[in-house]
């Protein structure tokens, strides 16, 4: 039996049908005897709507109240996921960031997690209850809701996995792993089975958007294996169908070229990394001094 954290992004919980599909994956993990905590994003598009509501009232607003508004999207999804799990006969309850609690800094809109006390949630998990946590949010020492910024649900998932001493953190999204290039553009793109924290961090920091940078930093620090996989495919996390981000020593076969990170906003080219070092930029081929086979990194918008 393992303790695992599952995170479902906005496209994976875009409507009630997708929430129920995600719940069925959680149920299959529970059936294997695992202790399961679930992190959910807001339903696709909801956060943007909530941000626009704030701006439509006033272009200059109190960021504390902004956080109170935009955090509500994840809270709705958490409640709906708990209901979907209960429908399947699974004991489940929703958790807000302040109930855990997840203590954050006072920088509203871009808060950083300072501490998580996972003891209460661990007791609930030990009783067989599934915990469904609203991602993207915590609470300050002044007892105000604070949000973690875009991609904050990934950070919530990895941070909670560390606090719960979980065996693995599965990030469900709209792709089935990290690819050698964007499969929407290149038909013969290959999925990478394993990639090191260092490699993923380099790629994420320079444009690869499969995982949020802060979440990879945290996984690296606390040695939490992350699996990126699709919520729309049949396998579940315990089948290990996705890409595992883990320690370099756990990867038997290493590629000479780690990847290529592409940033659509950067007209200067695409950064190439060989053995974790930046060696050049595509478009400036004279800078790449080695005879290597380029393995570009996929970039996918993640909630």
C-alpha atoms as a PDB file:
ATOM      1  CA  UNK A   1       0.000   0.000   0.000  1.00  0.00           C
ATOM      2  CA  UNK A   2       1.264   3.447  -0.905  1.00  0.00           C
ATOM      3  CA  UNK A   3       0.301   6.993  -0.042  1.00  0.00           C
ATOM      4  CA  UNK A   4      -0.166   9.008  -3.218  1.00  0.00           C
ATOM      5  CA  UNK A   5      -1.257  12.499  -4.201  1.00  0.00           C
ATOM      6  CA  UNK A   6      -3.245  12.990  -7.409  1.00  0.00           C
ATOM      7  CA  UNK A   7      -3.603  16.408  -9.024  1.00  0.00           C
ATOM      8  CA  UNK A   8      -6.178  17.154 -11.712  1.00  0.00           C
ATOM      9  CA  UNK A   9      -5.773  20.298 -13.806  1.00  0.00           C
ATOM     10  CA  UNK A  10      -8.479  22.532 -15.192  1.00  0.00           C
ATOM     11  CA  UNK A  11      -8.980  20.619 -18.452  1.00  0.00           C
ATOM     12  CA  UNK A  12      -9.281  17.375 -16.466  1.00  0.00           C
ATOM     13  CA  UNK A  13     -12.159  18.811 -14.395  1.00  0.00           C
ATOM     14  CA  UNK A  14     -13.626  21.138 -17.042  1.00  0.00           C
ATOM     15  CA  UNK A  15     -17.201  19.943 -16.451  1.00  0.00           C
ATOM     16  CA  UNK A  16     -19.085  17.511 -14.229  1.00  0.00           C
ATOM     17  CA  UNK A  17     -18.597  14.622 -16.678  1.00  0.00           C
ATOM     18  CA  UNK A  18     -14.831  15.067 -16.526  1.00  0.00           C
ATOM     19  CA  UNK A  19     -14.942  15.395 -12.754  1.00  0.00           C
ATOM     20  CA  UNK A  20     -16.723  12.042 -12.589  1.00  0.00           C
ATOM     21  CA  UNK A  21     -14.134  10.530 -14.945  1.00  0.00           C
ATOM     22  CA  UNK A  22     -11.369  11.809 -12.681  1.00  0.00           C
ATOM     23  CA  UNK A  23     -13.213  10.434  -9.650  1.00  0.00           C
ATOM     24  CA  UNK A  24     -13.269   6.992 -11.272  1.00  0.00           C
ATOM     25  CA  UNK A  25      -9.469   7.088 -11.495  1.00  0.00           C
ATOM     26  CA  UNK A  26      -9.262   8.004  -7.821  1.00  0.00           C
ATOM     27  CA  UNK A  27     -11.612   5.112  -7.019  1.00  0.00           C
ATOM     28  CA  UNK A  28      -9.329   2.660  -8.845  1.00  0.00           C
ATOM     29  CA  UNK A  29      -6.361   3.804  -6.759  1.00  0.00           C
ATOM     30  CA  UNK A  30      -8.404   3.387  -3.578  1.00  0.00           C
ATOM     31  CA  UNK A  31      -9.386  -0.125  -4.702  1.00  0.00           C
ATOM     32  CA  UNK A  32      -5.668  -0.985  -4.834  1.00  0.00           C
ATOM     33  CA  UNK A  33      -5.455  -0.185  -1.125  1.00  0.00           C
ATOM     34  CA  UNK A  34      -3.661   3.154  -1.423  1.00  0.00           C
ATOM     35  CA  UNK A  35      -4.147   6.180   0.791  1.00  0.00           C
ATOM     36  CA  UNK A  36      -5.147   8.955  -1.597  1.00  0.00           C
ATOM     37  CA  UNK A  37      -5.201  12.739  -1.427  1.00  0.00           C
ATOM     38  CA  UNK A  38      -6.511  14.682  -4.419  1.00  0.00           C
ATOM     39  CA  UNK A  39      -5.686  18.248  -5.478  1.00  0.00           C
ATOM     40  CA  UNK A  40      -8.019  19.973  -7.923  1.00  0.00           C
ATOM     41  CA  UNK A  41      -7.753  23.094 -10.036  1.00  0.00           C
ATOM     42  CA  UNK A  42     -10.696  25.296 -10.926  1.00  0.00           C
ATOM     43  CA  UNK A  43     -12.799  24.088 -13.849  1.00  0.00           C
ATOM     44  CA  UNK A  44     -11.271  25.230 -17.132  1.00  0.00           C
ATOM     45  CA  UNK A  45     -11.877  28.933 -17.777  1.00  0.00           C
ATOM     46  CA  UNK A  46     -13.374  29.675 -14.359  1.00  0.00           C
ATOM     47  CA  UNK A  47     -10.333  31.450 -12.899  1.00  0.00           C
ATOM     48  CA  UNK A  48     -10.173  33.785 -15.901  1.00  0.00           C
ATOM     49  CA  UNK A  49     -13.846  34.609 -15.423  1.00  0.00           C
ATOM     50  CA  UNK A  50     -13.309  35.378 -11.746  1.00  0.00           C
ATOM     51  CA  UNK A  51     -10.318  37.605 -12.528  1.00  0.00           C
ATOM     52  CA  UNK A  52     -12.416  39.482 -15.088  1.00  0.00           C
ATOM     53  CA  UNK A  53     -15.181  39.995 -12.507  1.00  0.00           C
ATOM     54  CA  UNK A  54     -12.682  41.724 -10.229  1.00  0.00           C
ATOM     55  CA  UNK A  55     -11.336  43.910 -13.026  1.00  0.00           C
ATOM     56  CA  UNK A  56     -14.790  44.823 -14.291  1.00  0.00           C
ATOM     57  CA  UNK A  57     -15.652  46.338 -10.929  1.00  0.00           C
ATOM     58  CA  UNK A  58     -12.343  48.143 -10.429  1.00  0.00           C
ATOM     59  CA  UNK A  59      -9.015  48.071 -12.287  1.00  0.00           C
ATOM     60  CA  UNK A  60      -7.340  48.787  -8.931  1.00  0.00           C
ATOM     61  CA  UNK A  61      -8.480  46.371  -6.256  1.00  0.00           C
ATOM     62  CA  UNK A  62      -7.573  45.063  -2.811  1.00  0.00           C
ATOM     63  CA  UNK A  63      -5.459  41.975  -3.536  1.00  0.00           C
ATOM     64  CA  UNK A  64      -6.754  40.303  -0.387  1.00  0.00           C
ATOM     65  CA  UNK A  65     -10.288  40.459  -1.743  1.00  0.00           C
ATOM     66  CA  UNK A  66      -9.043  39.430  -5.187  1.00  0.00           C
ATOM     67  CA  UNK A  67      -7.657  36.257  -3.589  1.00  0.00           C
ATOM     68  CA  UNK A  68     -10.954  35.611  -1.819  1.00  0.00           C
ATOM     69  CA  UNK A  69     -12.703  35.750  -5.197  1.00  0.00           C
ATOM     70  CA  UNK A  70     -10.338  33.753  -7.399  1.00  0.00           C
ATOM     71  CA  UNK A  71      -9.786  31.010  -4.800  1.00  0.00           C
ATOM     72  CA  UNK A  72     -13.477  30.120  -5.018  1.00  0.00           C
ATOM     73  CA  UNK A  73     -13.032  28.259  -8.324  1.00  0.00           C
ATOM     74  CA  UNK A  74     -10.954  25.494  -6.746  1.00  0.00           C
ATOM     75  CA  UNK A  75     -13.316  25.315  -3.787  1.00  0.00           C
ATOM     76  CA  UNK A  76     -16.238  24.524  -6.104  1.00  0.00           C
ATOM     77  CA  UNK A  77     -14.275  21.767  -7.843  1.00  0.00           C
ATOM     78  CA  UNK A  78     -13.179  20.244  -4.533  1.00  0.00           C
ATOM     79  CA  UNK A  79     -16.772  19.960  -3.345  1.00  0.00           C
ATOM     80  CA  UNK A  80     -17.937  18.480  -6.653  1.00  0.00           C
ATOM     81  CA  UNK A  81     -15.103  15.939  -6.643  1.00  0.00           C
ATOM     82  CA  UNK A  82     -15.981  14.856  -3.097  1.00  0.00           C
ATOM     83  CA  UNK A  83     -19.624  14.405  -4.145  1.00  0.00           C
ATOM     84  CA  UNK A  84     -18.555  12.364  -7.192  1.00  0.00           C
ATOM     85  CA  UNK A  85     -16.434  10.097  -4.996  1.00  0.00           C
ATOM     86  CA  UNK A  86     -19.247   9.667  -2.477  1.00  0.00           C
ATOM     87  CA  UNK A  87     -21.513   8.642  -5.361  1.00  0.00           C
ATOM     88  CA  UNK A  88     -19.033   5.816  -6.031  1.00  0.00           C
ATOM     89  CA  UNK A  89     -19.299   4.662  -2.423  1.00  0.00           C
ATOM     90  CA  UNK A  90     -15.980   6.156  -1.330  1.00  0.00           C
ATOM     91  CA  UNK A  91     -15.672   8.104   1.886  1.00  0.00           C
ATOM     92  CA  UNK A  92     -14.365  11.524   0.896  1.00  0.00           C
ATOM     93  CA  UNK A  93     -14.394  15.114   2.096  1.00  0.00           C
ATOM     94  CA  UNK A  94     -13.266  18.423   0.670  1.00  0.00           C
ATOM     95  CA  UNK A  95     -10.545  20.520   2.279  1.00  0.00           C
ATOM     96  CA  UNK A  96      -9.777  24.187   1.854  1.00  0.00           C
ATOM     97  CA  UNK A  97      -6.229  25.476   2.284  1.00  0.00           C
ATOM     98  CA  UNK A  98      -7.024  27.053   5.647  1.00  0.00           C
ATOM     99  CA  UNK A  99      -8.386  23.771   7.002  1.00  0.00           C
ATOM    100  CA  UNK A 100      -5.158  21.807   6.517  1.00  0.00           C
ATOM    101  CA  UNK A 101      -3.656  24.413   7.192  1.00  0.00           C
ATOM    102  CA  UNK A 102      -1.366  25.555   4.372  1.00  0.00           C
ATOM    103  CA  UNK A 103       0.413  28.624   5.731  1.00  0.00           C
ATOM    104  CA  UNK A 104       1.442  31.132   3.061  1.00  0.00           C
ATOM    105  CA  UNK A 105       3.295  34.418   2.836  1.00  0.00           C
ATOM    106  CA  UNK A 106       1.426  37.728   2.775  1.00  0.00           C
ATOM    107  CA  UNK A 107       2.132  38.395  -0.919  1.00  0.00           C
ATOM    108  CA  UNK A 108      -1.440  38.085  -2.173  1.00  0.00           C
ATOM    109  CA  UNK A 109      -1.826  36.771  -5.693  1.00  0.00           C
ATOM    110  CA  UNK A 110       1.704  35.318  -5.687  1.00  0.00           C
ATOM    111  CA  UNK A 111       2.046  33.880  -2.198  1.00  0.00           C
ATOM    112  CA  UNK A 112       4.620  31.235  -1.345  1.00  0.00           C
ATOM    113  CA  UNK A 113       3.963  28.231   0.876  1.00  0.00           C
ATOM    114  CA  UNK A 114       5.799  28.554   4.180  1.00  0.00           C
ATOM    115  CA  UNK A 115       4.516  25.532   6.072  1.00  0.00           C
ATOM    116  CA  UNK A 116       1.994  22.692   5.857  1.00  0.00           C
ATOM    117  CA  UNK A 117       0.855  20.726   8.886  1.00  0.00           C
ATOM    118  CA  UNK A 118      -0.215  17.417   7.367  1.00  0.00           C
ATOM    119  CA  UNK A 119      -0.944  15.639  10.658  1.00  0.00           C
ATOM    120  CA  UNK A 120      -4.725  16.100  10.611  1.00  0.00           C
ATOM    121  CA  UNK A 121      -5.053  14.999   6.980  1.00  0.00           C
ATOM    122  CA  UNK A 122      -2.810  11.969   7.600  1.00  0.00           C
ATOM    123  CA  UNK A 123      -5.214  10.818  10.330  1.00  0.00           C
ATOM    124  CA  UNK A 124      -8.140  11.046   7.905  1.00  0.00           C
ATOM    125  CA  UNK A 125      -6.225   9.157   5.227  1.00  0.00           C
ATOM    126  CA  UNK A 126      -5.337   6.419   7.708  1.00  0.00           C
ATOM    127  CA  UNK A 127      -9.067   5.888   8.279  1.00  0.00           C
ATOM    128  CA  UNK A 128      -9.556   5.260   4.566  1.00  0.00           C
ATOM    129  CA  UNK A 129     -10.999   8.663   3.749  1.00  0.00           C
ATOM    130  CA  UNK A 130      -9.983  10.398   0.525  1.00  0.00           C
ATOM    131  CA  UNK A 131      -8.974  14.021   1.044  1.00  0.00           C
ATOM    132  CA  UNK A 132      -9.907  16.410  -1.774  1.00  0.00           C
ATOM    133  CA  UNK A 133      -7.992  19.653  -1.448  1.00  0.00           C
ATOM    134  CA  UNK A 134      -8.667  22.893  -3.288  1.00  0.00           C
ATOM    135  CA  UNK A 135      -5.379  23.762  -4.981  1.00  0.00           C
ATOM    136  CA  UNK A 136      -3.832  27.166  -5.624  1.00  0.00           C
ATOM    137  CA  UNK A 137      -4.497  28.550  -2.146  1.00  0.00           C
ATOM    138  CA  UNK A 138      -3.485  28.758   1.483  1.00  0.00           C
ATOM    139  CA  UNK A 139      -3.958  31.044   4.449  1.00  0.00           C
ATOM    140  CA  UNK A 140      -1.730  33.747   5.889  1.00  0.00           C
ATOM    141  CA  UNK A 141      -0.779  34.201   9.527  1.00  0.00           C
ATOM    142  CA  UNK A 142      -3.396  36.968   9.551  1.00  0.00           C
ATOM    143  CA  UNK A 143      -6.044  34.415   8.587  1.00  0.00           C
ATOM    144  CA  UNK A 144      -6.602  35.727   5.065  1.00  0.00           C
ATOM    145  CA  UNK A 145      -6.917  33.509   2.002  1.00  0.00           C
ATOM    146  CA  UNK A 146      -3.869  33.809  -0.261  1.00  0.00           C
ATOM    147  CA  UNK A 147      -3.413  32.390  -3.765  1.00  0.00           C
ATOM    148  CA  UNK A 148      -0.171  31.026  -5.189  1.00  0.00           C
ATOM    149  CA  UNK A 149      -0.299  32.475  -8.700  1.00  0.00           C
ATOM    150  CA  UNK A 150      -0.767  30.713 -12.028  1.00  0.00           C
ATOM    151  CA  UNK A 151       0.107  27.031 -11.890  1.00  0.00           C
ATOM    152  CA  UNK A 152      -0.213  27.109  -8.122  1.00  0.00           C
ATOM    153  CA  UNK A 153      -2.163  23.857  -7.979  1.00  0.00           C
ATOM    154  CA  UNK A 154       0.941  21.966  -9.144  1.00  0.00           C
ATOM    155  CA  UNK A 155       2.870  23.572  -6.298  1.00  0.00           C
ATOM    156  CA  UNK A 156       0.090  22.696  -3.840  1.00  0.00           C
ATOM    157  CA  UNK A 157       0.182  19.063  -4.952  1.00  0.00           C
ATOM    158  CA  UNK A 158       3.936  18.624  -4.531  1.00  0.00           C
ATOM    159  CA  UNK A 159       4.002  20.543  -1.246  1.00  0.00           C
ATOM    160  CA  UNK A 160       1.197  18.394   0.155  1.00  0.00           C
ATOM    161  CA  UNK A 161       2.968  15.244  -1.045  1.00  0.00           C
ATOM    162  CA  UNK A 162       6.030  16.335   0.924  1.00  0.00           C
ATOM    163  CA  UNK A 163       3.965  17.150   4.034  1.00  0.00           C
ATOM    164  CA  UNK A 164       2.171  13.793   3.851  1.00  0.00           C
ATOM    165  CA  UNK A 165       5.417  11.925   3.123  1.00  0.00           C
ATOM    166  CA  UNK A 166       3.747  10.522   0.014  1.00  0.00           C
ATOM    167  CA  UNK A 167       5.375   7.923  -2.209  1.00  0.00           C
ATOM    168  CA  UNK A 168       4.458   9.697  -5.445  1.00  0.00           C
ATOM    169  CA  UNK A 169       2.652  12.721  -6.855  1.00  0.00           C
ATOM    170  CA  UNK A 170       0.660  12.127 -10.063  1.00  0.00           C
ATOM    171  CA  UNK A 171      -0.107  15.225 -12.155  1.00  0.00           C
ATOM    172  CA  UNK A 172      -3.050  14.477 -14.449  1.00  0.00           C
ATOM    173  CA  UNK A 173      -3.323  16.813 -17.408  1.00  0.00           C
ATOM    174  CA  UNK A 174      -4.263  16.826 -21.109  1.00  0.00           C
ATOM    175  CA  UNK A 175      -1.080  15.089 -22.288  1.00  0.00           C
ATOM    176  CA  UNK A 176       0.173  11.615 -21.414  1.00  0.00           C
ATOM    177  CA  UNK A 177       3.696  12.645 -20.495  1.00  0.00           C
ATOM    178  CA  UNK A 178       6.705  14.718 -21.457  1.00  0.00           C
ATOM    179  CA  UNK A 179       7.516  14.351 -25.148  1.00  0.00           C
ATOM    180  CA  UNK A 180      10.666  14.816 -27.200  1.00  0.00           C
ATOM    181  CA  UNK A 181       8.812  17.538 -29.089  1.00  0.00           C
ATOM    182  CA  UNK A 182       5.316  18.940 -29.335  1.00  0.00           C
ATOM    183  CA  UNK A 183       3.186  15.980 -30.562  1.00  0.00           C
ATOM    184  CA  UNK A 184       0.643  18.437 -31.960  1.00  0.00           C
ATOM    185  CA  UNK A 185       3.296  19.538 -34.452  1.00  0.00           C
ATOM    186  CA  UNK A 186       5.564  16.512 -34.935  1.00  0.00           C
ATOM    187  CA  UNK A 187       3.716  13.236 -35.473  1.00  0.00           C
ATOM    188  CA  UNK A 188       6.623  10.966 -34.533  1.00  0.00           C
ATOM    189  CA  UNK A 189       7.331  12.680 -31.206  1.00  0.00           C
ATOM    190  CA  UNK A 190       8.410  10.200 -28.539  1.00  0.00           C
ATOM    191  CA  UNK A 191       7.319  10.138 -24.924  1.00  0.00           C
ATOM    192  CA  UNK A 192      10.111  10.213 -22.348  1.00  0.00           C
ATOM    193  CA  UNK A 193       9.656   7.536 -19.666  1.00  0.00           C
ATOM    194  CA  UNK A 194      11.912   9.173 -17.049  1.00  0.00           C
ATOM    195  CA  UNK A 195      13.594  12.538 -16.660  1.00  0.00           C
ATOM    196  CA  UNK A 196      15.644  13.905 -13.770  1.00  0.00           C
ATOM    197  CA  UNK A 197      14.583  16.767 -11.508  1.00  0.00           C
ATOM    198  CA  UNK A 198      17.534  18.820 -12.744  1.00  0.00           C
ATOM    199  CA  UNK A 199      16.657  18.348 -16.398  1.00  0.00           C
ATOM    200  CA  UNK A 200      12.977  19.093 -15.868  1.00  0.00           C
ATOM    201  CA  UNK A 201      13.797  22.166 -13.807  1.00  0.00           C
ATOM    202  CA  UNK A 202      16.077  23.554 -16.515  1.00  0.00           C
ATOM    203  CA  UNK A 203      13.454  22.968 -19.180  1.00  0.00           C
ATOM    204  CA  UNK A 204      10.561  24.324 -17.117  1.00  0.00           C
ATOM    205  CA  UNK A 205      12.470  27.479 -16.200  1.00  0.00           C
ATOM    206  CA  UNK A 206      13.178  28.217 -19.865  1.00  0.00           C
ATOM    207  CA  UNK A 207       9.793  27.705 -21.440  1.00  0.00           C
ATOM    208  CA  UNK A 208       8.686  24.076 -21.150  1.00  0.00           C
ATOM    209  CA  UNK A 209       5.253  24.294 -19.537  1.00  0.00           C
ATOM    210  CA  UNK A 210       4.450  20.680 -18.764  1.00  0.00           C
ATOM    211  CA  UNK A 211       5.114  21.394 -15.070  1.00  0.00           C
ATOM    212  CA  UNK A 212       5.202  24.632 -13.121  1.00  0.00           C
ATOM    213  CA  UNK A 213       8.742  25.653 -12.119  1.00  0.00           C
ATOM    214  CA  UNK A 214       8.047  26.029  -8.402  1.00  0.00           C
ATOM    215  CA  UNK A 215       6.548  22.541  -8.239  1.00  0.00           C
ATOM    216  CA  UNK A 216       9.675  21.006  -9.795  1.00  0.00           C
ATOM    217  CA  UNK A 217      11.900  22.966  -7.404  1.00  0.00           C
ATOM    218  CA  UNK A 218       9.915  21.630  -4.467  1.00  0.00           C
ATOM    219  CA  UNK A 219       9.934  18.053  -5.749  1.00  0.00           C
ATOM    220  CA  UNK A 220      13.713  18.278  -6.184  1.00  0.00           C
ATOM    221  CA  UNK A 221      14.181  19.656  -2.676  1.00  0.00           C
ATOM    222  CA  UNK A 222      12.034  17.028  -0.964  1.00  0.00           C
ATOM    223  CA  UNK A 223      12.734  14.157  -3.394  1.00  0.00           C
ATOM    224  CA  UNK A 224       9.097  13.629  -4.373  1.00  0.00           C
ATOM    225  CA  UNK A 225       8.718  11.593  -7.593  1.00  0.00           C
ATOM    226  CA  UNK A 226       6.268  13.317  -9.964  1.00  0.00           C
ATOM    227  CA  UNK A 227       4.455  11.508 -12.748  1.00  0.00           C
ATOM    228  CA  UNK A 228       2.912  13.464 -15.629  1.00  0.00           C
ATOM    229  CA  UNK A 229       0.064  11.548 -17.260  1.00  0.00           C
ATOM    230  CA  UNK A 230      -3.213  11.995 -19.097  1.00  0.00           C
ATOM    231  CA  UNK A 231      -6.603  12.089 -17.441  1.00  0.00           C
ATOM    232  CA  UNK A 232      -8.176  11.136 -20.775  1.00  0.00           C
ATOM    233  CA  UNK A 233      -6.416   7.784 -21.205  1.00  0.00           C
ATOM    234  CA  UNK A 234      -7.479   4.550 -19.508  1.00  0.00           C
ATOM    235  CA  UNK A 235      -4.394   3.820 -17.322  1.00  0.00           C
ATOM    236  CA  UNK A 236      -4.105   5.223 -13.819  1.00  0.00           C
ATOM    237  CA  UNK A 237      -1.016   6.473 -12.022  1.00  0.00           C
ATOM    238  CA  UNK A 238      -0.179   3.141 -10.417  1.00  0.00           C
ATOM    239  CA  UNK A 239       0.165   1.648 -13.914  1.00  0.00           C
ATOM    240  CA  UNK A 240       3.044   4.145 -14.399  1.00  0.00           C
ATOM    241  CA  UNK A 241       2.000   5.081 -17.947  1.00  0.00           C
ATOM    242  CA  UNK A 242       3.339   8.645 -17.955  1.00  0.00           C
ATOM    243  CA  UNK A 243       6.685  10.392 -17.562  1.00  0.00           C
ATOM    244  CA  UNK A 244       8.326  10.064 -14.162  1.00  0.00           C
ATOM    245  CA  UNK A 245      10.360  13.012 -12.881  1.00  0.00           C
ATOM    246  CA  UNK A 246      12.785  11.546 -10.374  1.00  0.00           C
ATOM    247  CA  UNK A 247      16.387  11.430  -9.138  1.00  0.00           C
ATOM    248  CA  UNK A 248      19.050  11.182 -11.808  1.00  0.00           C
ATOM    249  CA  UNK A 249      20.475   8.021 -10.243  1.00  0.00           C
ATOM    250  CA  UNK A 250      17.079   6.309 -10.712  1.00  0.00           C
ATOM    251  CA  UNK A 251      17.323   6.721 -14.497  1.00  0.00           C
ATOM    252  CA  UNK A 252      19.225   3.814 -16.031  1.00  0.00           C
ATOM    253  CA  UNK A 253      19.555   5.131 -19.594  1.00  0.00           C
ATOM    254  CA  UNK A 254      20.447   8.769 -20.111  1.00  0.00           C
ATOM    255  CA  UNK A 255      20.157  10.866 -23.255  1.00  0.00           C
ATOM    256  CA  UNK A 256      23.134  12.987 -24.247  1.00  0.00           C
ATOM    257  CA  UNK A 257      20.762  15.828 -25.076  1.00  0.00           C
ATOM    258  CA  UNK A 258      18.326  16.485 -22.250  1.00  0.00           C
ATOM    259  CA  UNK A 259      15.965  18.603 -24.298  1.00  0.00           C
ATOM    260  CA  UNK A 260      15.103  21.812 -26.006  1.00  0.00           C
ATOM    261  CA  UNK A 261      13.019  24.434 -24.235  1.00  0.00           C
ATOM    262  CA  UNK A 262      10.926  26.687 -26.431  1.00  0.00           C
ATOM    263  CA  UNK A 263       9.381  29.959 -25.341  1.00  0.00           C
ATOM    264  CA  UNK A 264       6.902  31.431 -27.830  1.00  0.00           C
ATOM    265  CA  UNK A 265       7.639  34.881 -26.469  1.00  0.00           C
ATOM    266  CA  UNK A 266      11.369  34.592 -27.119  1.00  0.00           C
ATOM    267  CA  UNK A 267      12.309  35.577 -30.670  1.00  0.00           C
ATOM    268  CA  UNK A 268      15.977  34.798 -30.023  1.00  0.00           C
ATOM    269  CA  UNK A 269      15.631  31.072 -30.610  1.00  0.00           C
ATOM    270  CA  UNK A 270      15.320  27.806 -28.732  1.00  0.00           C
ATOM    271  CA  UNK A 271      17.714  26.883 -25.918  1.00  0.00           C
ATOM    272  CA  UNK A 272      19.543  23.547 -26.275  1.00  0.00           C
ATOM    273  CA  UNK A 273      20.730  21.622 -23.212  1.00  0.00           C
ATOM    274  CA  UNK A 274      23.394  18.917 -23.262  1.00  0.00           C
ATOM    275  CA  UNK A 275      23.950  17.035 -19.991  1.00  0.00           C
ATOM    276  CA  UNK A 276      22.146  19.788 -18.111  1.00  0.00           C
ATOM    277  CA  UNK A 277      24.248  22.624 -19.601  1.00  0.00           C
ATOM    278  CA  UNK A 278      23.065  25.234 -22.070  1.00  0.00           C
ATOM    279  CA  UNK A 279      25.253  24.833 -25.160  1.00  0.00           C
ATOM    280  CA  UNK A 280      23.486  26.937 -27.762  1.00  0.00           C
ATOM    281  CA  UNK A 281      20.338  28.260 -29.341  1.00  0.00           C
ATOM    282  CA  UNK A 282      18.570  26.859 -32.377  1.00  0.00           C
ATOM    283  CA  UNK A 283      18.754  29.595 -34.974  1.00  0.00           C
ATOM    284  CA  UNK A 284      22.328  30.169 -33.872  1.00  0.00           C
ATOM    285  CA  UNK A 285      23.637  26.742 -34.821  1.00  0.00           C
ATOM    286  CA  UNK A 286      27.266  27.843 -34.734  1.00  0.00           C
ATOM    287  CA  UNK A 287      26.948  28.009 -30.946  1.00  0.00           C
ATOM    288  CA  UNK A 288      26.189  24.296 -30.668  1.00  0.00           C
ATOM    289  CA  UNK A 289      29.653  22.751 -30.742  1.00  0.00           C
ATOM    290  CA  UNK A 290      28.752  19.066 -30.355  1.00  0.00           C
ATOM    291  CA  UNK A 291      27.551  16.533 -32.876  1.00  0.00           C
ATOM    292  CA  UNK A 292      24.309  15.624 -31.136  1.00  0.00           C
ATOM    293  CA  UNK A 293      20.802  14.526 -31.967  1.00  0.00           C
ATOM    294  CA  UNK A 294      18.392  17.224 -30.809  1.00  0.00           C
ATOM    295  CA  UNK A 295      15.593  16.096 -28.538  1.00  0.00           C
ATOM    296  CA  UNK A 296      13.167  19.016 -28.153  1.00  0.00           C
ATOM    297  CA  UNK A 297      11.002  19.322 -25.070  1.00  0.00           C
ATOM    298  CA  UNK A 298       7.251  19.569 -25.346  1.00  0.00           C
ATOM    299  CA  UNK A 299       5.513  22.688 -24.104  1.00  0.00           C
ATOM    300  CA  UNK A 300       1.895  22.399 -23.022  1.00  0.00           C
ATOM    301  CA  UNK A 301      -0.229  24.855 -21.116  1.00  0.00           C
ATOM    302  CA  UNK A 302      -0.887  23.458 -17.664  1.00  0.00           C
ATOM    303  CA  UNK A 303      -3.449  24.629 -15.115  1.00  0.00           C
END
